[in-house]
Amino acid sequence: MERLRKIWLFYYEGFRGMSSLGRTLWVVVLLKLFIMFAILRVFFFQPALSDCATDAEKSRTVIENLTK
């Protein structure tokens, strides 16, 4: 438990002492990650196997997409 506290304090002090440029860069990184994983995934990467009811249909769909 003490080790987790030391790790937490290490990162907490590091972020607290960060310059405004560093904070801005972290905001940009987190915003880009949010856009990539939340927004793009919802609109562009729809689950291809969601319309398949059985495992046989899923495997057939995967085989057809791999052999194209």
Protein backbone atom coordinates (compact mmCIF):
# COMPACT_ATOMS: atom_id res chain seq x y z
CA MET A 1 0.00 0.00 0.00
CA GLU A 2 2.90 2.34 0.74
CA ARG A 3 4.32 1.68 -2.72
CA LEU A 4 1.06 2.80 -4.36
CA ARG A 5 1.10 5.97 -2.27
CA LYS A 6 4.65 6.75 -3.38
CA ILE A 7 3.73 6.18 -7.03
CA TRP A 8 0.68 8.42 -6.67
CA LEU A 9 2.72 11.19 -5.03
CA PHE A 10 5.39 10.92 -7.73
CA TYR A 11 2.89 11.56 -10.52
CA TYR A 12 0.87 14.08 -8.51
CA GLU A 13 3.91 16.22 -7.76
CA GLY A 14 5.11 15.91 -11.35
CA PHE A 15 1.85 17.13 -12.83
CA ARG A 16 1.45 19.82 -10.20
CA GLY A 17 4.87 21.25 -10.94
CA MET A 18 4.42 21.11 -14.69
CA SER A 19 4.65 24.29 -16.76
CA SER A 20 1.70 25.66 -18.67
CA LEU A 21 3.15 24.32 -21.94
CA GLY A 22 3.31 20.80 -20.50
CA ARG A 23 -0.29 21.00 -19.30
CA THR A 24 -1.42 22.24 -22.69
CA LEU A 25 0.36 19.36 -24.42
CA TRP A 26 -1.27 16.84 -22.07
CA VAL A 27 -4.68 18.35 -22.81
CA VAL A 28 -4.02 17.99 -26.55
CA VAL A 29 -2.90 14.36 -26.11
CA LEU A 30 -5.96 13.46 -24.02
CA LEU A 31 -8.28 15.23 -26.45
CA LYS A 32 -6.80 13.34 -29.41
CA LEU A 33 -7.16 10.02 -27.57
CA PHE A 34 -10.78 10.80 -26.78
CA ILE A 35 -11.48 11.66 -30.42
CA MET A 36 -9.74 8.51 -31.68
CA PHE A 37 -11.34 6.03 -29.31
CA ALA A 38 -14.75 7.52 -28.58
CA ILE A 39 -15.89 9.45 -31.61
CA LEU A 40 -14.18 7.72 -34.53
CA ARG A 41 -14.96 4.25 -33.21
CA VAL A 42 -18.67 5.03 -32.94
CA PHE A 43 -19.05 6.49 -36.42
CA PHE A 44 -16.48 4.70 -38.57
CA PHE A 45 -15.69 1.35 -36.98
CA GLN A 46 -19.04 -0.33 -36.53
CA PRO A 47 -18.91 -3.90 -35.22
CA ALA A 48 -19.01 -6.14 -38.28
CA LEU A 49 -20.30 -9.18 -36.43
CA SER A 50 -23.20 -7.53 -34.59
CA ASP A 51 -25.74 -8.65 -37.20
CA CYS A 52 -24.68 -12.31 -36.97
CA ALA A 53 -26.86 -14.40 -34.70
CA THR A 54 -24.84 -17.61 -34.35
CA ASP A 55 -21.19 -18.53 -34.10
CA ALA A 56 -21.41 -20.27 -37.48
CA GLU A 57 -22.53 -17.04 -39.15
CA LYS A 58 -19.76 -15.11 -37.41
CA SER A 59 -17.10 -17.56 -38.54
CA ARG A 60 -18.45 -17.55 -42.09
CA THR A 61 -18.35 -13.73 -42.16
CA VAL A 62 -14.77 -13.69 -40.86
CA ILE A 63 -13.64 -16.25 -43.44
CA GLU A 64 -15.31 -14.34 -46.27
CA ASN A 65 -13.64 -11.07 -45.21
CA LEU A 66 -10.23 -12.68 -44.85
CA THR A 67 -10.32 -14.35 -48.25
CA LYS A 68 -11.39 -11.25 -50.19
